[in-house]
Structures are given as structure tokens and as C-alpha cells.
Amino acid sequence: MADITINFEKCDDCGDCTDVCPMEVLILEDGKLTITDPEECSYCETCVDICPNECIKID
């Protein structure tokens, strides 16, 4: 299972990561970034690459 860490102090909930997540692990819920089903993460790191604030880390 992926260990997805989001630095919420840096995150502005822009939704760029949710738009590119092929597994829909990252979603905006009530305007706030939320991690759902981290076991579905494919470790593609597309969300990490697209995040303008560099606030997502996947281990």
C-alpha cells in the first residue's frame, strides 16, 4: 500500500493532482484534497510531478 503524504500547509486545494490521478486515489471533497483507497495507488507519481506547490509525497 502506498504511503501518500500531503503537506496541507502548502496545499491550496487546486485540484491539479485529482485531475491526473488515473486511479482516483486523490479527490476533492467539499473543496479539500482527500486521499481515498491508498491501496489502489499505482505509484505513477503523476500527482507529485504536477503539484505546483510540491506538497505530495509517495513512499
N, C-alpha and C. Protein backbone atom coordinates (compact mmCIF):
# COMPACT_ATOMS: atom_id res chain seq x y z
N MET A 1 0.85 -1.18 0.00
CA MET A 1 0.00 0.00 0.00
C MET A 1 0.89 1.24 0.00
N ALA A 2 0.51 2.20 -0.80
CA ALA A 2 1.26 3.45 -0.89
C ALA A 2 1.08 4.28 0.38
N ASP A 3 2.17 4.90 0.78
CA ASP A 3 2.12 5.85 1.89
C ASP A 3 2.12 7.24 1.25
N ILE A 4 0.94 7.83 1.13
CA ILE A 4 0.78 9.13 0.49
C ILE A 4 0.72 10.19 1.58
N THR A 5 1.63 11.15 1.47
CA THR A 5 1.68 12.23 2.44
C THR A 5 1.41 13.55 1.73
N ILE A 6 0.52 14.34 2.30
CA ILE A 6 0.21 15.65 1.75
C ILE A 6 0.53 16.70 2.81
N ASN A 7 1.33 17.68 2.41
CA ASN A 7 1.63 18.80 3.30
C ASN A 7 0.49 19.80 3.12
N PHE A 8 -0.48 19.75 4.01
CA PHE A 8 -1.66 20.59 3.88
C PHE A 8 -1.36 22.07 4.12
N GLU A 9 -0.23 22.37 4.73
CA GLU A 9 0.17 23.77 4.90
C GLU A 9 0.54 24.39 3.56
N LYS A 10 1.05 23.57 2.64
CA LYS A 10 1.45 24.06 1.32
C LYS A 10 0.33 23.89 0.28
N CYS A 11 -0.57 22.95 0.52
CA CYS A 11 -1.63 22.62 -0.44
C CYS A 11 -2.69 23.72 -0.49
N ASP A 12 -3.01 24.16 -1.72
CA ASP A 12 -4.07 25.16 -1.87
C ASP A 12 -5.34 24.56 -2.49
N ASP A 13 -5.42 23.22 -2.49
CA ASP A 13 -6.60 22.50 -2.98
C ASP A 13 -6.97 22.91 -4.40
N CYS A 14 -5.95 23.06 -5.27
CA CYS A 14 -6.19 23.48 -6.66
C CYS A 14 -6.85 22.38 -7.48
N GLY A 15 -6.63 21.12 -7.12
CA GLY A 15 -7.25 20.01 -7.82
C GLY A 15 -6.45 19.48 -9.00
N ASP A 16 -5.28 20.03 -9.27
CA ASP A 16 -4.47 19.53 -10.39
C ASP A 16 -4.15 18.05 -10.22
N CYS A 17 -3.83 17.63 -9.02
CA CYS A 17 -3.48 16.23 -8.76
C CYS A 17 -4.69 15.31 -8.94
N THR A 18 -5.85 15.78 -8.56
CA THR A 18 -7.04 14.96 -8.70
C THR A 18 -7.42 14.78 -10.16
N ASP A 19 -7.11 15.77 -10.98
CA ASP A 19 -7.42 15.69 -12.41
C ASP A 19 -6.58 14.64 -13.12
N VAL A 20 -5.35 14.39 -12.63
CA VAL A 20 -4.45 13.48 -13.34
C VAL A 20 -4.32 12.10 -12.70
N CYS A 21 -4.87 11.90 -11.52
CA CYS A 21 -4.73 10.61 -10.84
C CYS A 21 -5.53 9.54 -11.57
N PRO A 22 -4.84 8.58 -12.23
CA PRO A 22 -5.57 7.58 -13.01
C PRO A 22 -6.37 6.60 -12.15
N MET A 23 -6.01 6.48 -10.89
CA MET A 23 -6.68 5.53 -10.01
C MET A 23 -7.73 6.20 -9.12
N GLU A 24 -7.87 7.53 -9.25
CA GLU A 24 -8.82 8.32 -8.46
C GLU A 24 -8.59 8.13 -6.96
N VAL A 25 -7.32 8.08 -6.58
CA VAL A 25 -6.96 7.96 -5.17
C VAL A 25 -7.06 9.32 -4.49
N LEU A 26 -6.75 10.38 -5.24
CA LEU A 26 -6.85 11.74 -4.73
C LEU A 26 -8.11 12.38 -5.28
N ILE A 27 -8.93 12.92 -4.38
CA ILE A 27 -10.16 13.58 -4.79
C ILE A 27 -10.32 14.88 -4.01
N LEU A 28 -11.12 15.77 -4.56
CA LEU A 28 -11.52 16.96 -3.80
C LEU A 28 -12.89 16.66 -3.20
N GLU A 29 -12.96 16.76 -1.90
CA GLU A 29 -14.21 16.50 -1.18
C GLU A 29 -14.53 17.73 -0.36
N ASP A 30 -15.63 18.36 -0.68
CA ASP A 30 -16.01 19.62 -0.03
C ASP A 30 -14.90 20.65 -0.16
N GLY A 31 -14.24 20.66 -1.34
CA GLY A 31 -13.20 21.65 -1.62
C GLY A 31 -11.87 21.38 -0.97
N LYS A 32 -11.70 20.21 -0.35
CA LYS A 32 -10.46 19.87 0.33
C LYS A 32 -9.90 18.57 -0.24
N LEU A 33 -8.58 18.55 -0.49
CA LEU A 33 -7.93 17.37 -1.01
C LEU A 33 -8.03 16.22 -0.01
N THR A 34 -8.45 15.06 -0.51
CA THR A 34 -8.66 13.89 0.33
C THR A 34 -8.04 12.67 -0.34
N ILE A 35 -7.47 11.79 0.47
CA ILE A 35 -6.91 10.53 -0.01
C ILE A 35 -7.95 9.44 0.21
N THR A 36 -8.31 8.75 -0.88
CA THR A 36 -9.23 7.62 -0.77
C THR A 36 -8.55 6.38 -1.31
N ASP A 37 -8.73 5.28 -0.70
CA ASP A 37 -8.19 3.99 -1.17
C ASP A 37 -6.71 4.04 -1.55
N PRO A 38 -5.81 4.36 -0.61
CA PRO A 38 -4.39 4.42 -0.95
C PRO A 38 -3.84 3.10 -1.47
N GLU A 39 -4.52 2.00 -1.16
CA GLU A 39 -4.07 0.70 -1.66
C GLU A 39 -4.26 0.59 -3.18
N GLU A 40 -5.05 1.47 -3.77
CA GLU A 40 -5.26 1.47 -5.22
C GLU A 40 -4.19 2.28 -5.96
N CYS A 41 -3.34 3.00 -5.24
CA CYS A 41 -2.31 3.83 -5.86
C CYS A 41 -1.37 2.97 -6.69
N SER A 42 -1.08 3.41 -7.91
CA SER A 42 -0.20 2.67 -8.81
C SER A 42 1.24 3.18 -8.76
N TYR A 43 1.52 4.11 -7.85
CA TYR A 43 2.87 4.68 -7.69
C TYR A 43 3.37 5.37 -8.97
N CYS A 44 2.48 5.89 -9.79
CA CYS A 44 2.90 6.54 -11.03
C CYS A 44 3.54 7.91 -10.76
N GLU A 45 3.21 8.50 -9.62
CA GLU A 45 3.74 9.79 -9.17
C GLU A 45 3.39 10.96 -10.09
N THR A 46 2.36 10.80 -10.89
CA THR A 46 1.90 11.89 -11.73
C THR A 46 1.42 13.06 -10.88
N CYS A 47 0.78 12.75 -9.77
CA CYS A 47 0.31 13.81 -8.87
C CYS A 47 1.49 14.59 -8.28
N VAL A 48 2.56 13.88 -7.97
CA VAL A 48 3.76 14.52 -7.42
C VAL A 48 4.35 15.47 -8.46
N ASP A 49 4.41 15.01 -9.71
CA ASP A 49 5.00 15.80 -10.78
C ASP A 49 4.20 17.05 -11.12
N ILE A 50 2.87 16.96 -11.03
CA ILE A 50 2.04 18.08 -11.46
C ILE A 50 1.77 19.10 -10.35
N CYS A 51 1.97 18.72 -9.12
CA CYS A 51 1.64 19.62 -7.99
C CYS A 51 2.49 20.89 -8.04
N PRO A 52 1.85 22.05 -8.19
CA PRO A 52 2.60 23.30 -8.29
C PRO A 52 3.26 23.71 -6.97
N ASN A 53 2.78 23.15 -5.86
CA ASN A 53 3.30 23.52 -4.54
C ASN A 53 4.21 22.46 -3.94
N GLU A 54 4.44 21.38 -4.69
CA GLU A 54 5.31 20.29 -4.24
C GLU A 54 4.93 19.79 -2.84
N CYS A 55 3.65 19.52 -2.67
CA CYS A 55 3.18 19.13 -1.34
C CYS A 55 2.80 17.66 -1.22
N ILE A 56 2.98 16.87 -2.30
CA ILE A 56 2.61 15.46 -2.26
C ILE A 56 3.86 14.59 -2.30
N LYS A 57 3.89 13.60 -1.43
CA LYS A 57 5.00 12.65 -1.38
C LYS A 57 4.41 11.24 -1.35
N ILE A 58 5.00 10.32 -2.12
CA ILE A 58 4.54 8.94 -2.14
C ILE A 58 5.72 8.03 -1.81
N ASP A 59 5.56 7.17 -0.80
CA ASP A 59 6.58 6.18 -0.42
C ASP A 59 6.01 4.80 -0.56
